[in-house]
Amino acid sequence: MTGYKNAALWTVLASLFASVFAAPAYATDVEPGDYVALSPGTNLALLYGTFTDMDELQVPGVGMVDKDTHLESTIALARFVHFMKVGPFIVDPQIIVPFGRISSGKAAGERLEHTSGIGDITPFATIWFVHHDDAAHGTYVGFSPMVSIPTGAYNHAKASNIGTNRFTYDMQLGVVRGIVKGVALEAYGDVIWYGHNDNAGVDHQTLTQSSTQELQLWSRFSLTPKTSVAVGYAGNWGGRQYLEQAFNGTKTENQQVRFAVQTMIAPGLELEGSAGRMVHVEGGFREALRTQIRIAKAF
C-alpha cells in the first residue's frame, strides 16, 4: 500500500507541476458590506494586502502531504469603484488589478520556484435590483458578472505563476438583509467557468477545468457607529482540472472560516483587518492562514 501511495503521489505531483499552480482568483471574494449600495456619484479607492500561508497538500488517493510542503503568497489588489444610477438601478463599474509574489516553496520536497508580477485584471460591475436603505432592515440584492482577463505574468516553464493564461468568467449574486439595527446577514453565490490554458507546463499542454460553485456567508454586527465585526464561511465545490483530458489531482473543493473587523479611522476612510483558515480541502493546497488588510477611501 505504501508503494502504491508513493507512486500515486509522484504521478499527481508531476501532473500538478505541469499544470502550473496559479494565484487564487481574489476578485470573487466578498468582504462584509461589499453589497451595500452607496449613493450614486460616490467613488471608492481601495487597496488590499493579503498574505497566505499554505502548509499541506491534499492529494487524491494519498491524503494530506505535509512533510516538506510549504508555500506562501503575498498579493496586493488595487481597486477603483464608481457608483452611478442607470434607470431604476444602482450600478458600480469597477476594476481590480492584482499584483504580488508567490514565494519559493515545496510540495513533498519538490521545489516550486518563486514568481512575481501583475496578475489577471478583472473589470466588472454590480447591478442592484433591490437597494432599500434602512437602519434596521436595509435590503440589497445585486448581481455581478465578472471577466478576468489573462494579463498576468505567466511562464509555462514555471510550476507557479501569478497569471493564469486563460479567461475566467464568474456570475455572482449577493443578498444583504438587515435583521435588527446593527445586525445584518449576507449571502453570496458564484458559478465560475474557466477558459482553456493551451500553454501549460514545459510540454505546452492544454489545461481545462470544470466549473466551480462557491457560497460565502457573513454575519455582521455593529459594535459602535464606526466599528463592526463579522464572522463568515466560504465553501467551494467542483473545479476539477484536466491536463490533456486526464484529471491532474487538483480541484477547488475547500471550506474556510473567516473573521473581519472594520472601523472608520477618519471621515470617508475605513480600515479592515481579516483572517481565515481552511478547515477542509480536497485536491490542492490548504491555507493554514490567510490574513488581509484593506484600506478604503470614499470621495
Protein backbone atom coordinates (compact mmCIF):
# COMPACT_ATOMS: atom_id res chain seq x y z
CA MET A 1 0.00 0.00 0.00
CA THR A 2 2.83 2.40 0.79
CA GLY A 3 4.36 1.80 -2.61
CA TYR A 4 1.02 2.50 -4.29
CA LYS A 5 0.62 5.75 -2.38
CA ASN A 6 4.14 6.90 -3.25
CA ALA A 7 3.52 6.14 -6.93
CA ALA A 8 0.19 7.95 -6.84
CA LEU A 9 1.80 10.92 -5.09
CA TRP A 10 4.56 11.35 -7.65
CA THR A 11 2.15 10.86 -10.55
CA VAL A 12 -0.09 13.63 -9.20
CA LEU A 13 2.85 15.91 -8.40
CA ALA A 14 4.25 15.54 -11.91
CA SER A 15 0.85 16.38 -13.37
CA LEU A 16 0.30 19.20 -10.88
CA PHE A 17 3.61 20.88 -11.71
CA ALA A 18 2.94 20.54 -15.42
CA SER A 19 -0.46 22.21 -14.98
CA VAL A 20 1.04 25.17 -13.10
CA PHE A 21 -0.07 26.48 -9.69
CA ALA A 22 -1.63 29.94 -10.06
CA ALA A 23 -2.55 32.59 -7.52
CA PRO A 24 -6.21 32.34 -6.37
CA ALA A 25 -8.86 34.49 -8.02
CA TYR A 26 -9.38 37.01 -5.24
CA ALA A 27 -11.93 39.01 -7.27
CA THR A 28 -14.65 36.54 -6.25
CA ASP A 29 -14.03 37.09 -2.51
CA VAL A 30 -16.61 39.37 -0.87
CA GLU A 31 -15.87 41.41 2.24
CA PRO A 32 -18.60 42.29 4.79
CA GLY A 33 -20.80 45.08 3.47
CA ASP A 34 -19.47 44.97 -0.11
CA TYR A 35 -23.01 44.59 -1.49
CA VAL A 36 -24.40 47.61 0.38
CA ALA A 37 -25.00 50.09 -2.46
CA LEU A 38 -23.60 53.57 -1.89
CA SER A 39 -25.10 56.81 -3.19
CA PRO A 40 -24.75 57.49 -6.93
CA GLY A 41 -21.76 59.74 -7.60
CA THR A 42 -19.66 58.14 -4.83
CA ASN A 43 -16.18 56.85 -5.71
CA LEU A 44 -14.14 54.28 -3.81
CA ALA A 45 -10.41 53.71 -3.99
CA LEU A 46 -9.32 50.51 -2.23
CA LEU A 47 -6.01 48.82 -1.58
CA TYR A 48 -5.77 45.23 -0.25
CA GLY A 49 -2.76 43.39 1.09
CA THR A 50 -3.18 39.62 1.51
CA PHE A 51 -0.71 37.12 2.93
CA THR A 52 -1.43 33.39 2.60
CA ASP A 53 0.46 30.57 4.31
CA MET A 54 -0.16 27.10 2.82
CA ASP A 55 1.18 24.17 4.83
CA GLU A 56 -0.32 20.98 3.37
CA LEU A 57 -1.22 19.48 0.01
CA GLN A 58 -4.21 17.15 -0.29
CA VAL A 59 -3.61 14.51 -2.98
CA PRO A 60 -6.49 12.24 -4.08
CA GLY A 61 -5.67 8.61 -3.31
CA VAL A 62 -2.87 9.64 -0.95
CA GLY A 63 -4.28 12.08 1.60
CA MET A 64 -2.65 15.09 3.21
CA VAL A 65 1.04 15.62 2.39
CA ASP A 66 2.63 17.91 4.97
CA LYS A 67 6.27 16.77 5.05
CA ASP A 68 8.50 19.25 3.18
CA THR A 69 5.37 21.04 1.92
CA HIS A 70 5.02 24.79 2.26
CA LEU A 71 4.05 27.73 0.07
CA GLU A 72 3.48 31.44 0.73
CA SER A 73 1.91 34.17 -1.36
CA THR A 74 1.77 37.93 -0.85
CA ILE A 75 -0.85 39.51 -3.13
CA ALA A 76 -1.99 43.13 -3.32
CA LEU A 77 -5.11 44.39 -5.08
CA ALA A 78 -5.74 47.90 -6.33
CA ARG A 79 -9.45 48.55 -6.91
CA PHE A 80 -11.45 51.56 -8.10
CA VAL A 81 -15.27 51.74 -7.91
CA HIS A 82 -17.74 54.36 -9.17
CA PHE A 83 -21.44 54.30 -8.17
CA MET A 84 -23.99 55.61 -10.66
CA LYS A 85 -27.72 55.43 -11.43
CA VAL A 86 -28.92 53.68 -14.59
CA GLY A 87 -32.70 53.83 -14.82
CA PRO A 88 -34.10 52.34 -11.58
CA PHE A 89 -30.83 50.53 -10.79
CA ILE A 90 -27.64 51.47 -8.98
CA VAL A 91 -24.57 50.25 -10.89
CA ASP A 92 -20.89 50.38 -9.88
CA PRO A 93 -18.45 49.90 -12.77
CA GLN A 94 -15.07 48.97 -11.31
CA ILE A 95 -11.72 47.34 -11.96
CA ILE A 96 -9.43 45.14 -9.86
CA VAL A 97 -5.70 44.93 -10.59
CA PRO A 98 -3.76 42.26 -8.61
CA PHE A 99 -0.01 42.12 -8.21
CA GLY A 100 2.37 40.37 -5.87
CA ARG A 101 4.60 37.39 -5.30
CA ILE A 102 4.37 33.64 -4.78
CA SER A 103 7.37 32.76 -2.64
CA SER A 104 9.65 29.78 -3.12
CA GLY A 105 8.01 26.70 -1.65
CA LYS A 106 7.93 22.93 -1.71
CA ALA A 107 5.42 20.16 -2.33
CA ALA A 108 6.62 16.83 -0.87
CA GLY A 109 10.17 18.12 -1.17
CA GLU A 110 9.80 19.17 -4.82
CA ARG A 111 10.68 22.83 -5.15
CA LEU A 112 8.30 25.45 -6.55
CA GLU A 113 10.13 28.47 -7.94
CA HIS A 114 9.09 31.93 -6.82
CA THR A 115 7.28 34.22 -9.21
CA SER A 116 6.07 37.83 -9.12
CA GLY A 117 4.35 40.45 -11.23
CA ILE A 118 0.91 41.71 -12.19
CA GLY A 119 -1.99 39.26 -12.10
CA ASP A 120 -5.11 38.91 -14.23
CA ILE A 121 -7.09 42.17 -14.35
CA THR A 122 -10.84 41.95 -13.64
CA PRO A 123 -13.25 44.66 -14.86
CA PHE A 124 -16.89 44.26 -13.81
CA ALA A 125 -19.93 45.98 -12.31
CA THR A 126 -22.57 45.12 -9.74
CA ILE A 127 -26.18 45.85 -10.68
CA TRP A 128 -28.53 46.31 -7.70
CA PHE A 129 -32.08 45.20 -8.39
CA VAL A 130 -33.03 45.99 -4.77
CA HIS A 131 -31.42 48.81 -2.77
CA HIS A 132 -33.61 49.56 0.21
CA ASP A 133 -31.78 51.78 2.71
CA ASP A 134 -32.98 51.33 6.29
CA ALA A 135 -31.07 51.45 9.58
CA ALA A 136 -32.66 48.23 10.85
CA HIS A 137 -33.95 46.33 7.81
CA GLY A 138 -31.83 47.52 4.89
CA THR A 139 -32.07 45.09 1.97
CA TYR A 140 -29.81 44.84 -1.07
CA VAL A 141 -29.82 42.35 -3.94
CA GLY A 142 -27.08 42.65 -6.54
CA PHE A 143 -25.71 40.73 -9.49
CA SER A 144 -22.09 40.90 -10.69
CA PRO A 145 -20.92 39.41 -14.00
CA MET A 146 -17.10 39.29 -13.92
CA VAL A 147 -14.43 38.51 -16.51
CA SER A 148 -10.78 38.03 -15.52
CA ILE A 149 -8.53 38.85 -18.47
CA PRO A 150 -5.24 36.88 -18.88
CA THR A 151 -2.97 39.91 -18.45
CA GLY A 152 -0.91 38.39 -15.62
CA ALA A 153 2.73 37.36 -15.60
CA TYR A 154 2.92 33.80 -16.93
CA ASN A 155 5.77 31.43 -17.78
CA HIS A 156 4.75 27.94 -18.91
CA ALA A 157 8.07 26.52 -17.70
CA LYS A 158 7.41 27.59 -14.09
CA ALA A 159 5.42 25.49 -11.61
CA SER A 160 3.81 28.61 -10.09
CA ASN A 161 2.50 31.79 -11.70
CA ILE A 162 0.68 35.00 -10.80
CA GLY A 163 -1.25 34.88 -14.09
CA THR A 164 -3.36 32.00 -15.40
CA ASN A 165 -3.06 32.36 -19.20
CA ARG A 166 -6.82 31.94 -19.62
CA PHE A 167 -10.07 33.86 -19.27
CA THR A 168 -12.25 33.27 -16.19
CA TYR A 169 -15.97 34.04 -16.11
CA ASP A 170 -17.89 34.49 -12.84
CA MET A 171 -21.59 35.10 -12.23
CA GLN A 172 -22.05 36.32 -8.64
CA LEU A 173 -25.34 37.02 -6.82
CA GLY A 174 -25.36 38.78 -3.45
CA VAL A 175 -28.08 39.43 -0.85
CA VAL A 176 -27.74 41.63 2.26
CA ARG A 177 -30.57 41.74 4.80
CA GLY A 178 -30.75 43.80 7.98
CA ILE A 179 -32.26 41.79 10.86
CA VAL A 180 -32.35 44.46 13.55
CA LYS A 181 -30.43 47.68 13.91
CA GLY A 182 -26.72 46.85 13.89
CA VAL A 183 -27.11 43.23 12.71
CA ALA A 184 -27.07 42.06 9.08
CA LEU A 185 -26.84 38.72 7.33
CA GLU A 186 -25.13 38.40 3.94
CA ALA A 187 -25.11 35.55 1.40
CA TYR A 188 -23.22 35.33 -1.89
CA GLY A 189 -23.28 32.64 -4.53
CA ASP A 190 -20.97 32.21 -7.51
CA VAL A 191 -20.71 29.97 -10.55
CA ILE A 192 -17.27 30.24 -12.16
CA TRP A 193 -16.31 28.99 -15.63
CA TYR A 194 -12.73 28.68 -16.88
CA GLY A 195 -11.27 29.11 -20.33
CA HIS A 196 -8.55 26.79 -21.63
CA ASN A 197 -4.87 27.31 -20.93
CA ASP A 198 -3.26 25.96 -24.10
CA ASN A 199 0.31 26.52 -22.91
CA ALA A 200 0.54 24.60 -19.62
CA GLY A 201 3.83 23.15 -18.47
CA VAL A 202 7.10 22.58 -20.28
CA ASP A 203 5.35 20.41 -22.88
CA HIS A 204 2.87 23.17 -23.87
CA GLN A 205 -0.13 21.03 -22.94
CA THR A 206 -3.80 22.06 -22.68
CA LEU A 207 -5.23 22.63 -19.20
CA THR A 208 -9.01 22.61 -18.80
CA GLN A 209 -11.15 22.94 -15.68
CA SER A 210 -14.76 22.19 -14.80
CA SER A 211 -16.90 24.93 -13.26
CA THR A 212 -16.68 25.94 -9.60
CA GLN A 213 -19.65 26.67 -7.33
CA GLU A 214 -18.99 28.97 -4.37
CA LEU A 215 -21.02 30.03 -1.33
CA GLN A 216 -19.98 32.87 1.01
CA LEU A 217 -21.81 33.86 4.21
CA TRP A 218 -21.25 36.74 6.63
CA SER A 219 -22.94 37.75 9.87
CA ARG A 220 -22.12 41.41 10.56
CA PHE A 221 -22.53 43.16 13.92
CA SER A 222 -22.08 46.88 14.63
CA LEU A 223 -20.25 47.49 17.91
CA THR A 224 -20.29 51.28 17.61
CA PRO A 225 -21.37 53.69 14.85
CA LYS A 226 -17.80 53.45 13.50
CA THR A 227 -16.80 49.82 14.15
CA SER A 228 -18.25 46.45 13.18
CA VAL A 229 -17.16 42.81 13.37
CA ALA A 230 -18.18 39.89 11.17
CA VAL A 231 -17.85 36.12 11.19
CA GLY A 232 -18.10 34.19 7.97
CA TYR A 233 -17.84 30.99 5.97
CA ALA A 234 -16.76 30.24 2.40
CA GLY A 235 -17.17 26.96 0.56
CA ASN A 236 -16.06 25.94 -2.94
CA TRP A 237 -17.05 22.82 -4.86
CA GLY A 238 -16.04 21.40 -8.23
CA GLY A 239 -13.25 22.90 -10.32
CA ARG A 240 -11.57 19.64 -11.31
CA GLN A 241 -8.52 20.31 -13.50
CA TYR A 242 -7.59 18.18 -16.51
CA LEU A 243 -4.29 18.12 -18.33
CA GLU A 244 -4.78 16.77 -21.85
CA GLN A 245 -8.16 15.42 -20.62
CA ALA A 246 -6.58 13.49 -17.71
CA PHE A 247 -7.51 14.54 -14.14
CA ASN A 248 -4.38 16.01 -12.54
CA GLY A 249 -5.49 15.72 -8.89
CA THR A 250 -6.38 19.39 -8.44
CA LYS A 251 -9.82 20.79 -7.56
CA THR A 252 -11.24 23.92 -5.98
CA GLU A 253 -13.03 21.98 -3.22
CA ASN A 254 -12.41 23.62 0.16
CA GLN A 255 -14.17 25.21 3.12
CA GLN A 256 -12.96 28.19 5.15
CA VAL A 257 -13.96 30.06 8.31
CA ARG A 258 -13.38 33.83 8.45
CA PHE A 259 -13.36 36.79 10.81
CA ALA A 260 -13.23 40.51 9.99
CA VAL A 261 -13.11 43.85 11.80
CA GLN A 262 -13.92 47.16 10.09
CA THR A 263 -13.55 50.64 11.54
CA MET A 264 -13.71 54.23 10.29
CA ILE A 265 -10.40 55.91 11.14
CA ALA A 266 -11.29 59.27 9.54
CA PRO A 267 -14.25 60.70 7.61
CA GLY A 268 -14.62 58.59 4.45
CA LEU A 269 -11.64 56.38 5.37
CA GLU A 270 -12.18 52.78 6.50
CA LEU A 271 -9.63 50.21 7.70
CA GLU A 272 -10.38 46.48 7.67
CA GLY A 273 -8.44 43.53 9.03
CA SER A 274 -9.50 39.95 8.38
CA ALA A 275 -8.24 36.40 8.80
CA GLY A 276 -9.33 32.99 7.55
CA ARG A 277 -8.37 29.35 7.77
CA MET A 278 -9.34 26.39 5.61
CA VAL A 279 -10.95 23.64 7.67
CA HIS A 280 -11.36 21.23 4.75
CA VAL A 281 -9.64 20.83 1.37
CA GLU A 282 -9.65 18.26 -1.41
CA GLY A 283 -7.21 18.20 -4.30
CA GLY A 284 -4.99 21.18 -3.57
CA PHE A 285 -3.03 23.25 -1.06
CA ARG A 286 -4.57 24.02 2.33
CA GLU A 287 -4.47 27.60 3.53
CA ALA A 288 -3.39 27.34 7.15
CA LEU A 289 -3.84 31.10 7.47
CA ARG A 290 -4.92 33.95 5.22
CA THR A 291 -4.61 37.46 6.64
CA GLN A 292 -5.66 40.66 4.94
CA ILE A 293 -5.52 44.40 5.50
CA ARG A 294 -7.78 46.64 3.41
CA ILE A 295 -7.99 50.42 3.32
CA ALA A 296 -10.91 52.10 1.55
CA LYS A 297 -11.31 55.78 0.75
CA ALA A 298 -14.70 57.22 -0.31
CA PHE A 299 -14.78 60.51 -2.18
